[in-house]
Structure formats: C-alpha cells, structure tokens
Amino acid sequence: MAEDNPLTVFVAENQQVADAVVSLLVSAGIDADVHVPPIDTTSEPLTGASEIVLKNATFDIRVQDAAKLEEAKELIASAVGATAVRVVREKRAARAGNVTATCADCGKPSDWPAAAMGTTEVCPHCGAYMDVPDPDDDWSDVDFGAPEDDEDEEAKE
C-alpha cells in the first residue's frame, strides 16, 4: 500500500483493475478515484521518437472521505476473497476424470468425480462424512491443535 497517502485503500497492477475497484467502491456509495503514476516521456535523439514510461507500475485507489476508509478496505477485502473463492470453484468444476478417496471411518476407498476434490461427501459404504482431498489445497500453515485422545474422551463419559 502506498505510504505517501493515507487515503489509499488499494494498489492495482494495471488500469483495468484500478477502474474495476473504483467502480466497486462507487457502486457502494464510496467516492474513490485512481491516482495515476507520474508519466515520463523520453525522446530518441536521432529519430525524435517519444516513448512514454511509467515511473511507478502501480495505480493507487484512494477514497475521497477519510471516514469511509475502513468501509472501503473491508469491501475490497470481501470482493477479493469472493473472487478467490470463485476462481477455485471454477477450477474445480473444470476438472475431468475421477479421483479415489478413502474414508477415515471405515477405511474403504470410493471413486468421486474430479470436480468433487476439496469437498466433503457422504461415504457410500458407512454413511460418515469424508473429505475428498484436493492436491491444490495447502494446509501446511494451519494449526489443527492437539490431537484428540480417545482414552480421555471415554473417561469423561
């Protein structure tokens, strides 16, 4: 995020993304605009041809009312999250073929359409819920807590 202006709520990589974010904010009643990076033109000494060079390859989206700053950031975060979810769903829906997943309760394997990867399904053998793993999901940074101890659970009952 740009350090030079406290009203900056998003930094876009290109003009199209910047325009889309401004449209999102304006449609929610938040006045915003795109701060265009400084433009530098250079001329070729021999031919006189000019070239436009952007000094900064990013576009700052700024709200016009500081009171709307947090609302704008939350709206952008929810839109970015929704977009990420939509991309994952579209990718999963486009998968073809079958995948085999093993039920953690009964230990029996079941075949599922590849589009079901990353979902929870009902085991056709025992009726328990089972996860159909998605190789694209990265769970390495998730803390699942301490493993459950079956003996402690039985002692409580």
N, C-alpha and C. Protein backbone atom coordinates (compact mmCIF):
# COMPACT_ATOMS: atom_id res chain seq x y z
N MET A 1 0.84 -1.17 0.00
CA MET A 1 0.00 0.00 0.00
C MET A 1 0.89 1.23 0.00
N ALA A 2 0.46 2.25 -0.69
CA ALA A 2 1.28 3.45 -0.79
C ALA A 2 1.40 4.13 0.56
N GLU A 3 2.62 4.45 0.92
CA GLU A 3 2.89 5.09 2.20
C GLU A 3 2.62 6.59 2.13
N ASP A 4 2.67 7.17 0.94
CA ASP A 4 2.60 8.62 0.82
C ASP A 4 1.21 9.20 1.00
N ASN A 5 0.16 8.43 0.90
CA ASN A 5 -1.18 8.96 1.04
C ASN A 5 -2.02 8.04 1.92
N PRO A 6 -2.50 8.54 3.07
CA PRO A 6 -3.27 7.68 3.98
C PRO A 6 -4.65 7.31 3.46
N LEU A 7 -5.11 7.93 2.39
CA LEU A 7 -6.42 7.61 1.82
C LEU A 7 -6.35 6.48 0.79
N THR A 8 -5.17 5.94 0.54
CA THR A 8 -5.02 4.83 -0.40
C THR A 8 -5.57 3.56 0.24
N VAL A 9 -6.52 2.92 -0.46
CA VAL A 9 -7.14 1.70 0.05
C VAL A 9 -6.73 0.46 -0.74
N PHE A 10 -6.17 0.64 -1.92
CA PHE A 10 -5.80 -0.49 -2.76
C PHE A 10 -4.78 -0.03 -3.78
N VAL A 11 -3.88 -0.93 -4.14
CA VAL A 11 -2.90 -0.64 -5.19
C VAL A 11 -3.10 -1.69 -6.29
N ALA A 12 -3.44 -1.22 -7.48
CA ALA A 12 -3.71 -2.11 -8.61
C ALA A 12 -2.48 -2.21 -9.50
N GLU A 13 -2.35 -3.35 -10.19
CA GLU A 13 -1.22 -3.58 -11.09
C GLU A 13 -1.42 -2.91 -12.44
N ASN A 14 -2.69 -2.67 -12.81
CA ASN A 14 -2.94 -2.05 -14.11
C ASN A 14 -4.21 -1.21 -14.05
N GLN A 15 -4.43 -0.45 -15.10
CA GLN A 15 -5.55 0.50 -15.16
C GLN A 15 -6.90 -0.23 -15.11
N GLN A 16 -7.00 -1.40 -15.74
CA GLN A 16 -8.27 -2.12 -15.76
C GLN A 16 -8.69 -2.56 -14.36
N VAL A 17 -7.74 -3.08 -13.59
CA VAL A 17 -8.05 -3.49 -12.21
C VAL A 17 -8.41 -2.27 -11.38
N ALA A 18 -7.67 -1.19 -11.57
CA ALA A 18 -7.94 0.04 -10.83
C ALA A 18 -9.36 0.55 -11.12
N ASP A 19 -9.74 0.54 -12.38
CA ASP A 19 -11.08 1.00 -12.75
C ASP A 19 -12.16 0.10 -12.16
N ALA A 20 -11.91 -1.20 -12.13
CA ALA A 20 -12.88 -2.14 -11.55
C ALA A 20 -13.06 -1.89 -10.05
N VAL A 21 -11.97 -1.64 -9.34
CA VAL A 21 -12.05 -1.39 -7.90
C VAL A 21 -12.78 -0.07 -7.64
N VAL A 22 -12.49 0.95 -8.41
CA VAL A 22 -13.19 2.22 -8.24
C VAL A 22 -14.68 2.03 -8.50
N SER A 23 -15.04 1.28 -9.53
CA SER A 23 -16.46 1.01 -9.83
C SER A 23 -17.14 0.30 -8.66
N LEU A 24 -16.44 -0.67 -8.07
CA LEU A 24 -16.98 -1.39 -6.91
C LEU A 24 -17.25 -0.43 -5.76
N LEU A 25 -16.29 0.43 -5.46
CA LEU A 25 -16.44 1.37 -4.36
C LEU A 25 -17.55 2.39 -4.63
N VAL A 26 -17.58 2.93 -5.83
CA VAL A 26 -18.60 3.92 -6.18
C VAL A 26 -19.99 3.31 -6.12
N SER A 27 -20.12 2.05 -6.56
CA SER A 27 -21.43 1.39 -6.51
C SER A 27 -21.91 1.17 -5.07
N ALA A 28 -20.97 1.18 -4.12
CA ALA A 28 -21.32 1.04 -2.70
C ALA A 28 -21.45 2.40 -2.02
N GLY A 29 -21.40 3.48 -2.80
CA GLY A 29 -21.58 4.81 -2.24
C GLY A 29 -20.31 5.40 -1.64
N ILE A 30 -19.17 4.89 -2.04
CA ILE A 30 -17.88 5.40 -1.53
C ILE A 30 -17.17 6.08 -2.69
N ASP A 31 -17.03 7.41 -2.57
CA ASP A 31 -16.33 8.16 -3.63
C ASP A 31 -14.86 7.79 -3.63
N ALA A 32 -14.34 7.40 -4.78
CA ALA A 32 -12.94 7.00 -4.91
C ALA A 32 -12.45 7.38 -6.29
N ASP A 33 -11.14 7.46 -6.42
CA ASP A 33 -10.55 7.73 -7.71
C ASP A 33 -9.20 7.04 -7.81
N VAL A 34 -8.68 7.01 -9.03
CA VAL A 34 -7.40 6.37 -9.30
C VAL A 34 -6.34 7.45 -9.35
N HIS A 35 -5.28 7.23 -8.60
CA HIS A 35 -4.13 8.12 -8.68
C HIS A 35 -3.19 7.51 -9.71
N VAL A 36 -3.06 8.20 -10.84
CA VAL A 36 -2.23 7.71 -11.94
C VAL A 36 -0.76 8.02 -11.62
N PRO A 37 0.11 7.06 -11.86
CA PRO A 37 1.53 7.30 -11.59
C PRO A 37 2.09 8.39 -12.49
N PRO A 38 3.19 9.00 -12.06
CA PRO A 38 3.81 10.04 -12.89
C PRO A 38 4.23 9.46 -14.25
N ILE A 39 4.05 10.25 -15.26
CA ILE A 39 4.41 9.83 -16.61
C ILE A 39 5.69 10.56 -17.02
N ASP A 40 6.61 9.83 -17.57
CA ASP A 40 7.87 10.40 -18.03
C ASP A 40 7.99 10.08 -19.51
N THR A 41 8.26 11.09 -20.28
CA THR A 41 8.46 10.85 -21.70
C THR A 41 9.93 11.05 -22.03
N THR A 42 10.40 10.16 -22.84
CA THR A 42 11.78 10.27 -23.30
C THR A 42 11.77 10.33 -24.82
N SER A 43 12.72 11.03 -25.36
CA SER A 43 12.82 11.15 -26.83
C SER A 43 14.12 10.55 -27.30
N GLU A 44 14.04 9.85 -28.40
CA GLU A 44 15.22 9.28 -29.04
C GLU A 44 15.94 10.43 -29.77
N PRO A 45 17.22 10.67 -29.43
CA PRO A 45 17.92 11.83 -30.01
C PRO A 45 18.00 11.81 -31.54
N LEU A 46 18.21 10.65 -32.13
CA LEU A 46 18.39 10.60 -33.58
C LEU A 46 17.08 10.69 -34.34
N THR A 47 16.07 9.95 -33.88
CA THR A 47 14.82 9.90 -34.63
C THR A 47 13.77 10.87 -34.11
N GLY A 48 13.90 11.28 -32.86
CA GLY A 48 12.90 12.16 -32.26
C GLY A 48 11.67 11.43 -31.77
N ALA A 49 11.68 10.10 -31.87
CA ALA A 49 10.55 9.30 -31.41
C ALA A 49 10.42 9.40 -29.90
N SER A 50 9.20 9.52 -29.43
CA SER A 50 8.94 9.62 -28.00
C SER A 50 8.47 8.30 -27.44
N GLU A 51 8.80 8.07 -26.20
CA GLU A 51 8.36 6.87 -25.50
C GLU A 51 7.81 7.31 -24.15
N ILE A 52 6.64 6.83 -23.81
CA ILE A 52 6.05 7.14 -22.52
C ILE A 52 6.45 6.04 -21.55
N VAL A 53 6.99 6.44 -20.41
CA VAL A 53 7.45 5.49 -19.42
C VAL A 53 6.76 5.81 -18.09
N LEU A 54 6.13 4.81 -17.49
CA LEU A 54 5.54 5.00 -16.17
C LEU A 54 6.63 4.80 -15.14
N LYS A 55 6.78 5.79 -14.24
CA LYS A 55 7.80 5.68 -13.22
C LYS A 55 7.42 4.63 -12.18
N ASN A 56 6.13 4.46 -11.96
CA ASN A 56 5.64 3.51 -10.98
C ASN A 56 4.59 2.66 -11.68
N ALA A 57 4.76 1.37 -11.71
CA ALA A 57 3.87 0.49 -12.47
C ALA A 57 2.60 0.13 -11.71
N THR A 58 2.24 0.88 -10.67
CA THR A 58 1.03 0.59 -9.91
C THR A 58 0.11 1.80 -9.92
N PHE A 59 -1.18 1.54 -9.65
CA PHE A 59 -2.20 2.58 -9.64
C PHE A 59 -2.85 2.59 -8.26
N ASP A 60 -2.76 3.70 -7.56
CA ASP A 60 -3.33 3.81 -6.21
C ASP A 60 -4.80 4.18 -6.30
N ILE A 61 -5.64 3.44 -5.58
CA ILE A 61 -7.05 3.79 -5.47
C ILE A 61 -7.22 4.48 -4.13
N ARG A 62 -7.75 5.69 -4.18
CA ARG A 62 -7.88 6.50 -2.97
C ARG A 62 -9.34 6.89 -2.76
N VAL A 63 -9.77 6.80 -1.50
CA VAL A 63 -11.11 7.29 -1.16
C VAL A 63 -11.01 8.78 -0.95
N GLN A 64 -12.12 9.48 -1.16
CA GLN A 64 -12.12 10.93 -1.00
C GLN A 64 -12.52 11.36 0.40
N ASP A 65 -13.15 10.45 1.15
CA ASP A 65 -13.60 10.76 2.51
C ASP A 65 -12.89 9.82 3.48
N ALA A 66 -12.09 10.38 4.38
CA ALA A 66 -11.34 9.56 5.33
C ALA A 66 -12.26 8.72 6.22
N ALA A 67 -13.48 9.18 6.44
CA ALA A 67 -14.43 8.44 7.27
C ALA A 67 -14.86 7.13 6.61
N LYS A 68 -14.71 7.04 5.32
CA LYS A 68 -15.10 5.82 4.57
C LYS A 68 -13.93 4.88 4.35
N LEU A 69 -12.77 5.18 4.90
CA LEU A 69 -11.55 4.41 4.66
C LEU A 69 -11.70 2.94 5.05
N GLU A 70 -12.11 2.68 6.28
CA GLU A 70 -12.23 1.29 6.75
C GLU A 70 -13.33 0.54 6.01
N GLU A 71 -14.43 1.19 5.74
CA GLU A 71 -15.52 0.56 4.99
C GLU A 71 -15.04 0.14 3.60
N ALA A 72 -14.25 1.02 2.97
CA ALA A 72 -13.71 0.71 1.64
C ALA A 72 -12.76 -0.48 1.69
N LYS A 73 -11.89 -0.50 2.69
CA LYS A 73 -10.94 -1.61 2.82
C LYS A 73 -11.67 -2.93 3.04
N GLU A 74 -12.71 -2.92 3.87
CA GLU A 74 -13.48 -4.15 4.13
C GLU A 74 -14.20 -4.62 2.87
N LEU A 75 -14.77 -3.69 2.12
CA LEU A 75 -15.46 -4.04 0.88
C LEU A 75 -14.50 -4.65 -0.13
N ILE A 76 -13.32 -4.07 -0.26
CA ILE A 76 -12.32 -4.60 -1.18
C ILE A 76 -11.86 -5.98 -0.74
N ALA A 77 -11.62 -6.15 0.57
CA ALA A 77 -11.18 -7.45 1.08
C ALA A 77 -12.23 -8.52 0.82
N SER A 78 -13.51 -8.20 1.02
CA SER A 78 -14.56 -9.20 0.78
C SER A 78 -14.68 -9.52 -0.71
N ALA A 79 -14.51 -8.51 -1.57
CA ALA A 79 -14.58 -8.74 -3.01
C ALA A 79 -13.41 -9.58 -3.49
N VAL A 80 -12.21 -9.30 -2.96
CA VAL A 80 -11.03 -10.09 -3.34
C VAL A 80 -11.20 -11.52 -2.87
N GLY A 81 -11.71 -11.70 -1.65
CA GLY A 81 -11.95 -13.05 -1.14
C GLY A 81 -12.98 -13.80 -1.97
N ALA A 82 -14.05 -13.10 -2.34
CA ALA A 82 -15.09 -13.73 -3.16
C ALA A 82 -14.54 -14.11 -4.53
N THR A 83 -13.69 -13.28 -5.08
CA THR A 83 -13.08 -13.58 -6.37
C THR A 83 -12.19 -14.82 -6.27
N ALA A 84 -11.42 -14.90 -5.18
CA ALA A 84 -10.54 -16.05 -4.99
C ALA A 84 -11.35 -17.34 -4.86
N VAL A 85 -12.45 -17.27 -4.13
CA VAL A 85 -13.32 -18.44 -3.97
C VAL A 85 -13.92 -18.83 -5.32
N ARG A 86 -14.36 -17.84 -6.11
CA ARG A 86 -14.94 -18.12 -7.41
C ARG A 86 -13.93 -18.79 -8.33
N VAL A 87 -12.69 -18.32 -8.30
CA VAL A 87 -11.63 -18.89 -9.15
C VAL A 87 -11.40 -20.35 -8.77
N VAL A 88 -11.34 -20.64 -7.47
CA VAL A 88 -11.13 -22.03 -7.01
C VAL A 88 -12.30 -22.90 -7.45
N ARG A 89 -13.53 -22.41 -7.29
CA ARG A 89 -14.71 -23.19 -7.69
C ARG A 89 -14.72 -23.47 -9.19
N GLU A 90 -14.37 -22.46 -10.00
CA GLU A 90 -14.33 -22.66 -11.45
C GLU A 90 -13.26 -23.68 -11.83
N LYS A 91 -12.12 -23.61 -11.16
CA LYS A 91 -11.04 -24.55 -11.44
C LYS A 91 -11.47 -25.97 -11.10
N ARG A 92 -12.13 -26.13 -9.95
CA ARG A 92 -12.60 -27.47 -9.55
C ARG A 92 -13.66 -27.99 -10.50
N ALA A 93 -14.58 -27.12 -10.92
CA ALA A 93 -15.66 -27.55 -11.82
C ALA A 93 -15.12 -27.99 -13.18
N ALA A 94 -13.98 -27.43 -13.57
CA ALA A 94 -13.41 -27.75 -14.88
C ALA A 94 -12.62 -29.06 -14.89
N ARG A 95 -12.39 -29.63 -13.73
CA ARG A 95 -11.61 -30.88 -13.68
C ARG A 95 -12.40 -32.02 -14.29
N ALA A 96 -11.67 -32.92 -14.93
CA ALA A 96 -12.29 -34.07 -15.57
C ALA A 96 -11.72 -35.36 -14.97
N GLY A 97 -12.44 -36.44 -15.14
CA GLY A 97 -11.97 -37.74 -14.66
C GLY A 97 -12.50 -38.06 -13.27
N ASN A 98 -11.88 -39.03 -12.64
CA ASN A 98 -12.28 -39.48 -11.31
C ASN A 98 -11.10 -39.44 -10.36
N VAL A 99 -11.41 -39.42 -9.07
CA VAL A 99 -10.40 -39.45 -8.03
C VAL A 99 -10.87 -40.44 -6.97
N THR A 100 -9.93 -41.13 -6.35
CA THR A 100 -10.27 -42.08 -5.29
C THR A 100 -9.92 -41.47 -3.95
N ALA A 101 -10.87 -41.55 -3.02
CA ALA A 101 -10.65 -41.06 -1.66
C ALA A 101 -11.01 -42.17 -0.69
N THR A 102 -10.28 -42.23 0.42
CA THR A 102 -10.51 -43.26 1.42
C THR A 102 -11.19 -42.65 2.64
N CYS A 103 -12.24 -43.30 3.11
CA CYS A 103 -12.99 -42.85 4.27
C CYS A 103 -12.15 -43.06 5.53
N ALA A 104 -12.07 -42.04 6.37
CA ALA A 104 -11.30 -42.14 7.62
C ALA A 104 -12.00 -43.03 8.63
N ASP A 105 -13.33 -43.18 8.53
CA ASP A 105 -14.07 -44.01 9.49
C ASP A 105 -14.02 -45.50 9.16
N CYS A 106 -14.38 -45.87 7.93
CA CYS A 106 -14.44 -47.29 7.60
C CYS A 106 -13.20 -47.79 6.85
N GLY A 107 -12.40 -46.86 6.31
CA GLY A 107 -11.18 -47.24 5.62
C GLY A 107 -11.39 -47.74 4.21
N LYS A 108 -12.60 -47.64 3.68
CA LYS A 108 -12.87 -48.13 2.32
C LYS A 108 -12.72 -47.00 1.31
N PRO A 109 -12.14 -47.31 0.16
CA PRO A 109 -11.98 -46.30 -0.89
C PRO A 109 -13.27 -46.12 -1.70
N SER A 110 -13.47 -44.91 -2.21
CA SER A 110 -14.61 -44.60 -3.07
C SER A 110 -14.13 -43.73 -4.21
N ASP A 111 -14.75 -43.90 -5.37
CA ASP A 111 -14.42 -43.08 -6.52
C ASP A 111 -15.38 -41.89 -6.59
N TRP A 112 -14.81 -40.71 -6.89
CA TRP A 112 -15.57 -39.48 -6.99
C TRP A 112 -15.19 -38.75 -8.27
N PRO A 113 -16.10 -37.95 -8.82
CA PRO A 113 -15.70 -37.13 -9.97
C PRO A 113 -14.62 -36.14 -9.53
N ALA A 114 -13.69 -35.84 -10.41
CA ALA A 114 -12.58 -34.95 -10.07
C ALA A 114 -13.08 -33.58 -9.60
N ALA A 115 -14.25 -33.17 -10.06
CA ALA A 115 -14.81 -31.88 -9.64
C ALA A 115 -15.14 -31.87 -8.14
N ALA A 116 -15.23 -33.05 -7.51
CA ALA A 116 -15.56 -33.13 -6.08
C ALA A 116 -14.33 -32.96 -5.20
N MET A 117 -13.13 -32.85 -5.79
CA MET A 117 -11.93 -32.68 -4.97
C MET A 117 -12.06 -31.40 -4.15
N GLY A 118 -11.70 -31.49 -2.88
CA GLY A 118 -11.77 -30.35 -1.98
C GLY A 118 -13.10 -30.20 -1.29
N THR A 119 -13.98 -31.19 -1.45
CA THR A 119 -15.29 -31.12 -0.82
C THR A 119 -15.43 -32.22 0.24
N THR A 120 -16.50 -32.13 1.01
CA THR A 120 -16.84 -33.17 1.99
C THR A 120 -18.05 -33.91 1.43
N GLU A 121 -17.96 -35.22 1.39
CA GLU A 121 -19.03 -36.05 0.84
C GLU A 121 -19.46 -37.09 1.87
N VAL A 122 -20.54 -37.79 1.58
CA VAL A 122 -21.01 -38.87 2.45
C VAL A 122 -20.46 -40.18 1.91
N CYS A 123 -19.80 -40.93 2.78
CA CYS A 123 -19.23 -42.21 2.38
C CYS A 123 -20.34 -43.16 1.94
N PRO A 124 -20.24 -43.74 0.74
CA PRO A 124 -21.28 -44.66 0.27
C PRO A 124 -21.27 -46.00 1.01
N HIS A 125 -20.20 -46.27 1.77
CA HIS A 125 -20.10 -47.54 2.48
C HIS A 125 -20.67 -47.48 3.89
N CYS A 126 -20.31 -46.41 4.64
CA CYS A 126 -20.72 -46.36 6.04
C CYS A 126 -21.58 -45.14 6.37
N GLY A 127 -21.72 -44.20 5.46
CA GLY A 127 -22.57 -43.03 5.69
C GLY A 127 -21.90 -41.89 6.46
N ALA A 128 -20.63 -42.05 6.81
CA ALA A 128 -19.92 -40.99 7.54
C ALA A 128 -19.49 -39.90 6.55
N TYR A 129 -19.25 -38.72 7.08
CA TYR A 129 -18.70 -37.66 6.24
C TYR A 129 -17.23 -37.96 5.97
N MET A 130 -16.82 -37.71 4.73
CA MET A 130 -15.43 -37.94 4.36
C MET A 130 -14.95 -36.81 3.46
N ASP A 131 -13.68 -36.50 3.58
CA ASP A 131 -13.08 -35.46 2.74
C ASP A 131 -12.54 -36.07 1.46
N VAL A 132 -12.82 -35.41 0.36
CA VAL A 132 -12.22 -35.78 -0.92
C VAL A 132 -11.08 -34.77 -1.09
N PRO A 133 -9.84 -35.22 -0.89
CA PRO A 133 -8.72 -34.27 -0.87
C PRO A 133 -8.49 -33.58 -2.20
N ASP A 134 -8.00 -32.34 -2.09
CA ASP A 134 -7.64 -31.55 -3.26
C ASP A 134 -6.13 -31.32 -3.21
N PRO A 135 -5.39 -31.80 -4.19
CA PRO A 135 -3.93 -31.63 -4.16
C PRO A 135 -3.50 -30.17 -4.23
N ASP A 136 -4.40 -29.27 -4.68
CA ASP A 136 -4.06 -27.85 -4.75
C ASP A 136 -4.21 -27.14 -3.41
N ASP A 137 -4.93 -27.74 -2.46
CA ASP A 137 -5.10 -27.11 -1.15
C ASP A 137 -3.83 -27.28 -0.34
N ASP A 138 -3.36 -26.18 0.24
CA ASP A 138 -2.16 -26.21 1.07
C ASP A 138 -2.58 -25.99 2.52
N TRP A 139 -2.47 -27.01 3.33
CA TRP A 139 -2.87 -26.95 4.73
C TRP A 139 -1.65 -26.90 5.65
N SER A 140 -0.47 -26.66 5.09
CA SER A 140 0.76 -26.72 5.88
C SER A 140 0.83 -25.64 6.96
N ASP A 141 0.14 -24.52 6.76
CA ASP A 141 0.23 -23.45 7.75
C ASP A 141 -0.96 -23.40 8.71
N VAL A 142 -1.80 -24.43 8.69
CA VAL A 142 -2.97 -24.47 9.56
C VAL A 142 -2.64 -25.25 10.83
N ASP A 143 -2.97 -24.65 11.98
CA ASP A 143 -2.75 -25.32 13.26
C ASP A 143 -4.06 -25.99 13.67
N PHE A 144 -4.08 -27.30 13.65
CA PHE A 144 -5.28 -28.04 13.99
C PHE A 144 -5.37 -28.33 15.49
N GLY A 145 -4.44 -27.85 16.28
CA GLY A 145 -4.46 -28.07 17.71
C GLY A 145 -3.91 -29.44 18.06
N ALA A 146 -4.02 -29.77 19.34
CA ALA A 146 -3.51 -31.06 19.82
C ALA A 146 -4.41 -32.19 19.32
N PRO A 147 -3.83 -33.34 19.00
CA PRO A 147 -4.65 -34.48 18.57
C PRO A 147 -5.56 -34.93 19.70
N GLU A 148 -6.75 -35.39 19.32
CA GLU A 148 -7.69 -35.88 20.33
C GLU A 148 -7.20 -37.20 20.88
N ASP A 149 -7.40 -37.38 22.17
CA ASP A 149 -7.03 -38.62 22.82
C ASP A 149 -8.32 -39.38 23.13
N ASP A 150 -8.53 -40.51 22.45
CA ASP A 150 -9.76 -41.29 22.62
C ASP A 150 -9.95 -41.76 24.05
N GLU A 151 -8.86 -42.08 24.76
CA GLU A 151 -8.99 -42.56 26.13
C GLU A 151 -9.53 -41.47 27.03
N ASP A 152 -9.09 -40.21 26.85
CA ASP A 152 -9.59 -39.12 27.66
C ASP A 152 -11.08 -38.88 27.39
N GLU A 153 -11.49 -39.02 26.15
CA GLU A 153 -12.89 -38.82 25.81
C GLU A 153 -13.75 -39.90 26.47
N GLU A 154 -13.30 -41.14 26.45
CA GLU A 154 -14.06 -42.23 27.04
C GLU A 154 -14.14 -42.07 28.56
N ALA A 155 -13.10 -41.57 29.19
CA ALA A 155 -13.07 -41.39 30.63
C ALA A 155 -14.06 -40.30 31.06
N LYS A 156 -14.29 -39.31 30.22
CA LYS A 156 -15.21 -38.22 30.55
C LYS A 156 -16.66 -38.68 30.50
N GLU A 157 -16.94 -39.69 29.70
CA GLU A 157 -18.33 -40.15 29.53
C GLU A 157 -18.76 -41.04 30.62
